């Protein structure tokens, strides 16, 4: 075993000894690129007592099936919870199922189901069904790929305090741009931005964006650096929820 391999194993051990941030693989699916079943798994658990009292828990799973011909299925799910005595820092979960159908490369049709909750943002349940098309309008071996997605979704949104924030039923546009670039050493860059306006009230919209760098450190283990930015133009009124959430995370992921 080479010195480089020993360093990689040591780095993995150091990372596993630290609390991990749960992670979901956001790499776009290209039918025929990874035939059959593939996926990734991230688990995290941390419990501190003494000068600091804090509990962290997270689990995320990503499963993909590529038919290698015309369609692919993509299942994402996860739950994250962080707590200190008397205060919840994070309490959210979600599940997402997506079906991708190749009309004629590079044009794809997609449909999806999703359900989620986010207790700190007063969202008791947000469930949606949507459909749209995805077009890969830029593909360059040196500079990467860019995808454009356009579609509609129907959203059921139930808040924690329905007396202050009544339940909503919304028809939203679902538009996104996604950039991806894979380097020779399997390092991958991903960035996307989603814009979801309410069709009946254009001033009500959400923007969700992520930028990430994932790089291999040992066999199927990857180190990830990630930046999140979420914006809701009309957040719940209860508890004066802010319009934006910004965070950065370092993660360890196992791909299979």
Protein backbone atom coordinates (compact mmCIF):
# COMPACT_ATOMS: atom_id res chain seq x y z
CA UNK A 1 0.00 0.00 0.00
CA UNK A 2 1.41 3.40 -0.97
CA UNK A 3 1.95 6.38 1.33
CA UNK A 4 -0.86 8.16 -0.53
CA UNK A 5 -3.26 5.32 0.36
CA UNK A 6 -2.25 5.51 4.04
CA UNK A 7 -2.92 9.26 4.06
CA UNK A 8 -6.33 8.69 2.47
CA UNK A 9 -7.26 6.07 5.08
CA UNK A 10 -6.13 8.40 7.88
CA UNK A 11 -8.23 11.23 6.47
CA UNK A 12 -11.29 8.98 6.28
CA UNK A 13 -10.80 7.91 9.92
CA UNK A 14 -10.49 11.53 11.05
CA UNK A 15 -13.68 12.48 9.21
CA UNK A 16 -15.60 9.50 10.56
CA UNK A 17 -14.60 10.47 14.09
CA UNK A 18 -16.27 13.87 13.66
CA UNK A 19 -19.99 14.69 13.40
CA UNK A 20 -21.03 14.41 9.76
CA UNK A 21 -23.49 16.65 8.02
CA UNK A 22 -26.09 14.58 6.20
CA UNK A 23 -25.82 14.89 2.44
CA UNK A 24 -27.80 14.17 -0.72
CA UNK A 25 -26.14 13.62 -4.11
CA UNK A 26 -27.52 16.18 -6.57
CA UNK A 27 -25.62 15.08 -9.69
CA UNK A 28 -28.04 15.10 -12.67
CA UNK A 29 -29.02 11.76 -14.23
CA UNK A 30 -28.03 11.02 -17.83
CA UNK A 31 -29.76 7.86 -19.03
CA UNK A 32 -27.18 5.26 -20.02
CA UNK A 33 -24.34 6.88 -18.07
CA UNK A 34 -24.67 4.60 -15.00
CA UNK A 35 -26.91 1.64 -16.00
CA UNK A 36 -28.77 -0.43 -13.37
CA UNK A 37 -28.88 0.59 -9.70
CA UNK A 38 -26.58 3.06 -7.96
CA UNK A 39 -26.78 5.45 -5.05
CA UNK A 40 -25.23 7.00 -1.97
CA UNK A 41 -25.73 6.93 1.77
CA UNK A 42 -24.86 9.40 4.54
CA UNK A 43 -25.35 8.89 8.28
CA UNK A 44 -24.49 11.22 11.14
CA UNK A 45 -24.78 11.09 14.91
CA UNK A 46 -23.24 13.35 17.55
CA UNK A 47 -23.96 13.74 21.25
CA UNK A 48 -22.06 16.25 23.41
CA UNK A 49 -22.40 16.70 27.17
CA UNK A 50 -20.53 18.83 29.69
CA UNK A 51 -19.52 22.36 28.77
CA UNK A 52 -21.58 21.87 25.58
CA UNK A 53 -24.93 20.04 25.53
CA UNK A 54 -25.86 19.28 21.95
CA UNK A 55 -27.36 16.42 19.92
CA UNK A 56 -27.13 15.96 16.15
CA UNK A 57 -28.68 13.24 14.03
CA UNK A 58 -29.04 12.83 10.31
CA UNK A 59 -29.71 10.17 7.69
CA UNK A 60 -29.91 10.64 3.93
CA UNK A 61 -30.27 8.13 1.12
CA UNK A 62 -30.14 8.43 -2.66
CA UNK A 63 -31.20 5.54 -4.92
CA UNK A 64 -31.16 5.61 -8.72
CA UNK A 65 -32.23 3.10 -11.34
CA UNK A 66 -31.11 3.68 -14.93
CA UNK A 67 -32.81 1.48 -17.56
CA UNK A 68 -29.94 2.26 -19.98
CA UNK A 69 -32.54 2.90 -22.71
CA UNK A 70 -35.38 5.37 -22.17
CA UNK A 71 -36.09 6.05 -18.48
CA UNK A 72 -34.66 6.40 -14.99
CA UNK A 73 -36.07 6.50 -11.44
CA UNK A 74 -34.59 8.63 -8.67
CA UNK A 75 -35.51 8.37 -4.98
CA UNK A 76 -34.17 10.83 -2.38
CA UNK A 77 -34.95 10.92 1.31
CA UNK A 78 -33.56 12.28 4.53
CA UNK A 79 -34.07 13.59 8.04
CA UNK A 80 -31.93 16.04 10.03
CA UNK A 81 -32.28 17.02 13.67
CA UNK A 82 -30.12 19.26 15.88
CA UNK A 83 -31.02 20.13 19.46
CA UNK A 84 -29.58 21.89 22.49
CA UNK A 85 -31.52 21.97 25.78
CA UNK A 86 -34.65 24.07 25.25
CA UNK A 87 -33.83 24.97 21.63
CA UNK A 88 -34.25 23.11 18.33
CA UNK A 89 -31.58 24.16 15.84
CA UNK A 90 -32.85 21.98 12.99
CA UNK A 91 -35.80 19.63 12.55
CA UNK A 92 -36.64 18.74 8.96
CA UNK A 93 -37.28 15.75 6.73
CA UNK A 94 -38.19 15.06 3.12
CA UNK A 95 -38.77 12.39 0.48
CA UNK A 96 -38.62 12.92 -3.29
CA UNK A 97 -39.41 10.50 -6.14
CA UNK A 98 -38.61 11.48 -9.74
CA UNK A 99 -39.22 9.73 -13.07
CA UNK A 100 -37.09 10.80 -16.02
CA UNK A 101 -37.98 9.83 -19.60
CA UNK A 102 -35.76 10.42 -22.62
CA UNK A 103 -37.79 11.94 -25.46
CA UNK A 104 -34.79 12.45 -27.72
CA UNK A 105 -31.37 13.24 -26.32
CA UNK A 106 -30.79 15.94 -25.02
CA UNK A 107 -34.52 16.51 -24.31
CA UNK A 108 -36.09 14.72 -21.32
CA UNK A 109 -39.53 14.69 -19.70
CA UNK A 110 -39.75 14.40 -15.92
CA UNK A 111 -42.44 14.02 -13.29
CA UNK A 112 -42.04 13.94 -9.52
CA UNK A 113 -43.66 13.63 -6.11
CA UNK A 114 -42.32 15.22 -2.94
CA UNK A 115 -43.27 15.61 0.71
CA UNK A 116 -41.36 17.48 3.41
CA UNK A 117 -41.57 19.26 6.74
CA UNK A 118 -39.47 21.95 8.39
CA UNK A 119 -40.52 22.63 11.97
CA UNK A 120 -38.29 25.69 12.41
CA UNK A 121 -39.83 27.34 9.35
CA UNK A 122 -43.34 26.52 10.66
CA UNK A 123 -43.97 24.08 7.79
CA UNK A 124 -45.95 21.13 9.14
CA UNK A 125 -46.25 19.54 5.71
CA UNK A 126 -45.45 20.54 2.14
CA UNK A 127 -46.49 17.99 -0.47
CA UNK A 128 -46.37 18.47 -4.21
CA UNK A 129 -46.71 16.80 -7.58
CA UNK A 130 -45.12 18.22 -10.69
CA UNK A 131 -44.09 17.65 -14.28
CA UNK A 132 -41.92 19.35 -16.85
CA UNK A 133 -39.13 19.03 -19.38
CA UNK A 134 -35.36 19.14 -19.02
CA UNK A 135 -33.09 20.25 -21.84
CA UNK A 136 -29.29 19.98 -21.89
CA UNK A 137 -28.51 23.05 -23.95
CA UNK A 138 -24.75 23.18 -23.33
CA UNK A 139 -22.38 20.19 -23.37
CA UNK A 140 -18.62 20.72 -23.53
CA UNK A 141 -16.01 18.18 -22.43
CA UNK A 142 -13.78 20.98 -21.14
CA UNK A 143 -16.27 23.34 -19.49
CA UNK A 144 -19.11 21.03 -18.40
CA UNK A 145 -22.85 20.75 -18.97
CA UNK A 146 -25.77 23.11 -18.37
CA UNK A 147 -29.40 21.99 -18.06
CA UNK A 148 -32.59 24.04 -18.26
CA UNK A 149 -35.77 22.76 -16.61
CA UNK A 150 -39.27 24.19 -17.15
CA UNK A 151 -42.48 22.87 -15.62
CA UNK A 152 -45.44 23.21 -13.25
CA UNK A 153 -46.16 21.82 -9.80
CA UNK A 154 -49.21 21.68 -7.55
CA UNK A 155 -48.42 22.37 -3.91
CA UNK A 156 -50.24 21.59 -0.66
CA UNK A 157 -48.75 23.67 2.16
CA UNK A 158 -49.84 23.28 5.78
CA UNK A 159 -48.28 25.46 8.47
CA UNK A 160 -47.82 24.73 12.18
CA UNK A 161 -50.29 27.43 13.23
CA UNK A 162 -53.15 27.43 10.74
CA UNK A 163 -54.97 30.23 12.60
CA UNK A 164 -52.16 32.63 11.74
CA UNK A 165 -51.08 31.02 8.45
CA UNK A 166 -53.97 29.23 6.69
CA UNK A 167 -53.32 26.10 4.63
CA UNK A 168 -52.40 26.91 1.02
CA UNK A 169 -53.07 25.16 -2.30
CA UNK A 170 -50.79 26.66 -4.94
CA UNK A 171 -50.00 26.17 -8.60
CA UNK A 172 -46.35 27.10 -9.13
CA UNK A 173 -43.92 27.26 -11.97
CA UNK A 174 -40.85 25.10 -11.49
CA UNK A 175 -37.88 26.47 -13.40
CA UNK A 176 -34.23 25.67 -12.87
CA UNK A 177 -30.69 25.87 -14.19
CA UNK A 178 -28.17 23.17 -13.31
CA UNK A 179 -24.43 23.23 -14.06
CA UNK A 180 -22.20 20.17 -13.66
CA UNK A 181 -18.56 19.46 -14.46
CA UNK A 182 -16.69 16.20 -13.87
CA UNK A 183 -12.88 16.31 -13.76
CA UNK A 184 -10.45 13.53 -14.66
CA UNK A 185 -9.75 12.57 -11.03
CA UNK A 186 -13.54 12.08 -10.41
CA UNK A 187 -13.82 15.46 -8.71
CA UNK A 188 -17.21 16.94 -9.54
CA UNK A 189 -18.65 20.45 -9.45
CA UNK A 190 -22.42 20.97 -9.22
CA UNK A 191 -24.49 24.12 -8.94
CA UNK A 192 -28.19 24.71 -9.42
CA UNK A 193 -30.86 27.32 -8.81
CA UNK A 194 -34.64 26.70 -8.66
CA UNK A 195 -37.20 29.48 -9.11
CA UNK A 196 -40.79 28.57 -8.14
CA UNK A 197 -43.30 31.42 -8.56
CA UNK A 198 -46.97 31.18 -7.62
CA UNK A 199 -48.85 31.36 -10.93
CA UNK A 200 -51.79 33.18 -9.29
CA UNK A 201 -49.63 35.65 -7.33
CA UNK A 202 -46.23 36.34 -8.88
CA UNK A 203 -45.01 38.17 -5.78
CA UNK A 204 -45.11 34.83 -3.94
CA UNK A 205 -42.04 32.83 -4.97
CA UNK A 206 -39.24 30.69 -3.60
CA UNK A 207 -35.61 30.44 -4.72
CA UNK A 208 -33.49 27.43 -3.79
CA UNK A 209 -29.81 27.20 -4.75
CA UNK A 210 -26.88 24.91 -3.98
CA UNK A 211 -23.23 24.96 -5.05
CA UNK A 212 -20.96 22.04 -4.23
CA UNK A 213 -17.56 20.48 -4.78
CA UNK A 214 -17.16 16.71 -4.30
CA UNK A 215 -13.76 15.06 -4.51
CA UNK A 216 -12.69 11.42 -3.93
CA UNK A 217 -10.47 10.73 -0.93
CA UNK A 218 -10.41 6.91 -0.74
CA UNK A 219 -12.11 4.40 -3.03
CA UNK A 220 -15.88 5.20 -2.88
CA UNK A 221 -15.63 7.85 -0.14
CA UNK A 222 -15.96 11.50 -1.16
CA UNK A 223 -15.33 14.77 0.65
CA UNK A 224 -17.94 17.45 -0.09
CA UNK A 225 -18.02 21.19 0.37
CA UNK A 226 -21.49 22.70 0.00
CA UNK A 227 -23.18 26.10 0.09
CA UNK A 228 -26.99 26.45 0.50
CA UNK A 229 -29.17 29.50 -0.04
CA UNK A 230 -32.97 29.43 0.32
CA UNK A 231 -35.29 32.42 -0.10
CA UNK A 232 -39.05 32.62 0.47
CA UNK A 233 -40.67 35.92 -0.51
CA UNK A 234 -43.72 35.23 1.70
CA UNK A 235 -42.61 33.25 4.77
CA UNK A 236 -45.07 32.23 7.53
CA UNK A 237 -46.14 35.10 9.78
CA UNK A 238 -46.09 32.98 12.94
CA UNK A 239 -42.88 33.38 15.00
CA UNK A 240 -41.60 35.96 12.48
CA UNK A 241 -39.85 33.43 10.24
CA UNK A 242 -37.12 35.07 8.13
CA UNK A 243 -37.22 35.11 4.35
CA UNK A 244 -33.82 33.45 3.86
CA UNK A 245 -31.66 30.58 5.10
CA UNK A 246 -27.94 30.39 4.30
CA UNK A 247 -25.58 27.61 5.36
CA UNK A 248 -22.28 25.92 4.50
CA UNK A 249 -21.48 22.25 5.15
CA UNK A 250 -18.58 19.82 4.96
CA UNK A 251 -19.66 16.19 4.46
CA UNK A 252 -18.44 12.67 3.86
CA UNK A 253 -20.35 10.51 1.38
CA UNK A 254 -20.17 6.86 0.38
CA UNK A 255 -21.22 6.03 -3.20
CA UNK A 256 -22.28 2.56 -4.30
